[in-house]
Amino acid sequence: MKIALFASGSGSNAENIIACFRARHDVQLIEFPLIVSNKADAFVHERARKLGVPSFTFGKADFDNGAVLRLLQQYGIDGIVLAGFLLKVPDTLLQAFPDRIINIHPALLPKFGGKGMYGSHVHEAVVANHETESGITIHSVNEHYDEGAIIFQARCPVLPTDTADDVAAKVHALEYAHFPEVIAQFFEKK
């Protein structure tokens, strides 16, 4: 299967995913032929260049007018993984890839999800609410932010002395450890 990676920022998860799949010989049925971003200055493009993976930048209108869908069709894409992608996925992509788009969220949904809840905003909210745990949620994508069916969750403790940066480090470790494996399991079933 050919899976497109969508990212808006540094692309560390995208790089980790590609590196993990390239190192594994038991999941050669999945490849990542391109990276799509909504930000031309996102560091994910530099990571893509180093990995030898084509990357493309599109504005919000391009997602709505079908330009992104045409690119995905040109590459024969079978599914999409959101790895730090901040735009809402338009209906055109949801319809073109039914139950074939997954996302990772840096908290235990349904807590701390929804529009505007990403990255440091999530970790700051976890600390401000005196949560005793946080983690990751990998879920299918639907027409609402962070409301798709939960596929997988992993947890980490949040200590009373933890800062948002401490929580972020714990959550990133969970992302790197679990996201590639969940992607493999999810798409191999397709």
Protein backbone atom coordinates (compact mmCIF):
# COMPACT_ATOMS: atom_id res chain seq x y z
CA MET A 1 0.00 0.00 0.00
CA LYS A 2 1.09 3.53 -0.72
CA ILE A 3 0.49 5.87 2.20
CA ALA A 4 0.84 9.66 2.07
CA LEU A 5 2.17 11.42 5.16
CA PHE A 6 0.67 14.83 5.99
CA ALA A 7 2.62 17.14 8.33
CA SER A 8 2.57 20.84 9.23
CA GLY A 9 5.67 21.20 11.38
CA SER A 10 9.08 19.72 12.01
CA GLY A 11 8.19 16.29 10.67
CA SER A 12 9.91 14.25 13.38
CA ASN A 13 7.06 11.73 13.41
CA ALA A 14 7.08 11.48 9.62
CA GLU A 15 10.83 10.85 9.65
CA ASN A 16 10.50 8.26 12.41
CA ILE A 17 7.73 6.44 10.54
CA ILE A 18 9.69 6.27 7.29
CA ALA A 19 12.88 5.19 9.07
CA CYS A 20 11.07 2.46 11.01
CA PHE A 21 9.43 1.03 7.90
CA ARG A 22 12.66 1.12 5.93
CA ALA A 23 14.39 -0.81 8.72
CA ARG A 24 11.70 -3.50 8.94
CA HIS A 25 11.64 -6.32 6.45
CA ASP A 26 8.31 -7.74 7.64
CA VAL A 27 6.22 -4.74 6.52
CA GLN A 28 7.43 -4.18 2.98
CA LEU A 29 3.81 -4.08 1.84
CA ILE A 30 3.60 -0.45 2.98
CA GLU A 31 5.55 2.46 1.50
CA PHE A 32 5.47 6.24 1.91
CA PRO A 33 6.05 7.81 -1.51
CA LEU A 34 5.29 11.43 -0.61
CA ILE A 35 4.82 13.97 2.13
CA VAL A 36 2.20 16.72 1.96
CA SER A 37 2.33 19.89 4.04
CA ASN A 38 0.32 23.07 4.31
CA LYS A 39 3.42 25.10 5.21
CA ALA A 40 6.23 25.86 2.77
CA ASP A 41 8.66 26.66 5.59
CA ALA A 42 7.92 23.53 7.64
CA PHE A 43 11.07 21.58 8.55
CA VAL A 44 9.35 18.41 7.34
CA HIS A 45 10.46 19.40 3.81
CA GLU A 46 14.12 19.27 4.87
CA ARG A 47 13.59 15.88 6.50
CA ALA A 48 11.85 14.66 3.33
CA ARG A 49 14.77 15.85 1.19
CA LYS A 50 17.27 13.96 3.37
CA LEU A 51 15.10 10.84 3.17
CA GLY A 52 14.74 11.14 -0.60
CA VAL A 53 10.95 11.46 -0.38
CA PRO A 54 9.16 14.07 -2.52
CA SER A 55 7.31 16.71 -0.49
CA PHE A 56 4.69 19.18 -1.61
CA THR A 57 3.13 22.30 -0.12
CA PHE A 58 -0.50 23.21 -0.66
CA GLY A 59 -2.65 26.03 0.66
CA LYS A 60 -6.03 25.42 2.28
CA ALA A 61 -7.83 26.18 -1.00
CA ASP A 62 -5.85 23.40 -2.71
CA PHE A 63 -7.26 20.88 -0.26
CA ASP A 64 -10.78 22.09 -0.96
CA ASN A 65 -10.54 22.47 -4.75
CA GLY A 66 -9.23 18.97 -5.44
CA ALA A 67 -5.58 19.78 -6.22
CA VAL A 68 -4.34 17.63 -3.33
CA LEU A 69 -6.64 14.76 -4.27
CA ARG A 70 -5.33 14.86 -7.84
CA LEU A 71 -1.74 14.63 -6.56
CA LEU A 72 -2.62 11.68 -4.33
CA GLN A 73 -4.30 9.94 -7.25
CA GLN A 74 -1.26 10.63 -9.45
CA TYR A 75 0.91 8.82 -6.87
CA GLY A 76 -1.57 5.94 -6.50
CA ILE A 77 -2.08 6.67 -2.79
CA ASP A 78 -4.16 4.13 -0.85
CA GLY A 79 -4.32 5.89 2.54
CA ILE A 80 -3.22 8.90 4.56
CA VAL A 81 -1.43 9.28 7.89
CA LEU A 82 -1.61 12.65 9.63
CA ALA A 83 1.62 13.17 11.56
CA GLY A 84 1.33 16.61 13.11
CA PHE A 85 -0.99 17.99 10.43
CA LEU A 86 -3.03 20.97 11.59
CA LEU A 87 -5.64 21.52 8.88
CA LYS A 88 -9.04 19.88 9.00
CA VAL A 89 -9.25 17.14 6.38
CA PRO A 90 -11.82 18.18 3.75
CA ASP A 91 -14.78 16.03 2.77
CA THR A 92 -13.25 15.35 -0.65
CA LEU A 93 -10.38 13.43 0.97
CA LEU A 94 -12.64 11.73 3.54
CA GLN A 95 -14.82 10.44 0.69
CA ALA A 96 -11.85 9.41 -1.47
CA PHE A 97 -10.20 7.50 1.40
CA PRO A 98 -13.03 6.12 3.56
CA ASP A 99 -11.66 4.57 6.76
CA ARG A 100 -8.15 5.00 5.35
CA ILE A 101 -7.05 8.20 7.11
CA ILE A 102 -5.57 8.06 10.60
CA ASN A 103 -4.21 10.70 12.95
CA ILE A 104 -2.14 10.81 16.10
CA HIS A 105 -3.17 13.15 18.91
CA PRO A 106 -0.84 14.04 21.83
CA ALA A 107 -3.38 13.34 24.60
CA LEU A 108 -5.84 10.74 25.74
CA LEU A 109 -8.96 11.58 23.76
CA PRO A 110 -11.67 12.58 24.30
CA LYS A 111 -9.84 14.87 26.73
CA PHE A 112 -7.89 17.81 25.29
CA GLY A 113 -9.06 17.36 21.71
CA GLY A 114 -10.74 19.60 19.17
CA LYS A 115 -9.87 22.67 17.16
CA GLY A 116 -6.82 24.50 18.49
CA MET A 117 -5.71 21.61 20.68
CA TYR A 118 -2.35 20.57 19.28
CA GLY A 119 1.28 20.45 20.37
CA SER A 120 2.20 22.60 23.33
CA HIS A 121 -1.41 23.76 23.76
CA VAL A 122 -2.37 20.22 24.70
CA HIS A 123 0.53 19.68 27.10
CA GLU A 124 -0.06 23.04 28.80
CA ALA A 125 -3.73 22.15 29.28
CA VAL A 126 -2.80 18.76 30.75
CA VAL A 127 -0.50 20.41 33.30
CA ALA A 128 -2.94 23.25 34.06
CA ASN A 129 -5.70 20.71 34.77
CA HIS A 130 -3.43 18.76 37.15
CA GLU A 131 -3.88 15.53 35.19
CA THR A 132 -2.08 12.49 36.58
CA GLU A 133 -1.59 10.92 33.16
CA SER A 134 -1.41 11.80 29.51
CA GLY A 135 -0.45 9.90 26.40
CA ILE A 136 -1.28 9.43 22.75
CA THR A 137 -4.40 8.54 20.84
CA ILE A 138 -4.28 7.17 17.33
CA HIS A 139 -7.69 7.46 15.71
CA SER A 140 -9.47 7.36 12.40
CA VAL A 141 -10.28 10.73 10.88
CA ASN A 142 -13.81 11.94 10.24
CA GLU A 143 -15.43 15.31 9.58
CA HIS A 144 -14.83 16.53 13.18
CA TYR A 145 -11.51 17.34 14.85
CA ASP A 146 -10.29 14.42 16.98
CA GLU A 147 -13.65 12.60 17.05
CA GLY A 148 -12.92 9.58 14.85
CA ALA A 149 -12.95 6.06 16.26
CA ILE A 150 -10.06 5.37 18.64
CA ILE A 151 -7.67 2.75 17.26
CA PHE A 152 -5.00 2.79 19.99
CA GLN A 153 -4.00 4.65 23.15
CA ALA A 154 -0.82 4.57 25.22
CA ARG A 155 -0.40 6.30 28.57
CA CYS A 156 2.35 7.97 30.55
CA PRO A 157 2.32 9.41 34.08
CA VAL A 158 2.22 13.14 34.68
CA LEU A 159 4.00 14.05 37.90
CA PRO A 160 3.00 17.09 39.97
CA THR A 161 6.41 18.59 39.18
CA ASP A 162 6.15 18.04 35.40
CA THR A 163 6.14 21.03 33.09
CA ALA A 164 4.45 21.08 29.69
CA ASP A 165 7.87 20.36 28.16
CA ASP A 166 8.29 17.31 30.42
CA VAL A 167 4.89 15.99 29.32
CA ALA A 168 5.77 16.69 25.68
CA ALA A 169 8.96 14.63 25.97
CA LYS A 170 7.05 11.68 27.45
CA VAL A 171 4.35 11.90 24.79
CA HIS A 172 6.91 12.13 21.96
CA ALA A 173 8.56 8.96 23.24
CA LEU A 174 5.19 7.19 23.05
CA GLU A 175 4.60 8.52 19.53
CA TYR A 176 7.93 7.24 18.27
CA ALA A 177 7.51 3.87 19.99
CA HIS A 178 3.93 3.11 18.92
CA PHE A 179 2.86 5.05 15.82
CA PRO A 180 4.77 2.99 13.20
CA GLU A 181 3.49 -0.31 14.62
CA VAL A 182 -0.12 0.89 14.74
CA ILE A 183 0.16 2.16 11.17
CA ALA A 184 1.44 -1.25 10.07
CA GLN A 185 -1.37 -3.11 11.83
CA PHE A 186 -4.08 -0.72 10.60
CA PHE A 187 -3.13 -0.71 6.93
CA GLU A 188 -2.13 -4.38 6.70
CA LYS A 189 -5.76 -5.18 7.59
CA LYS A 190 -6.91 -3.14 4.61
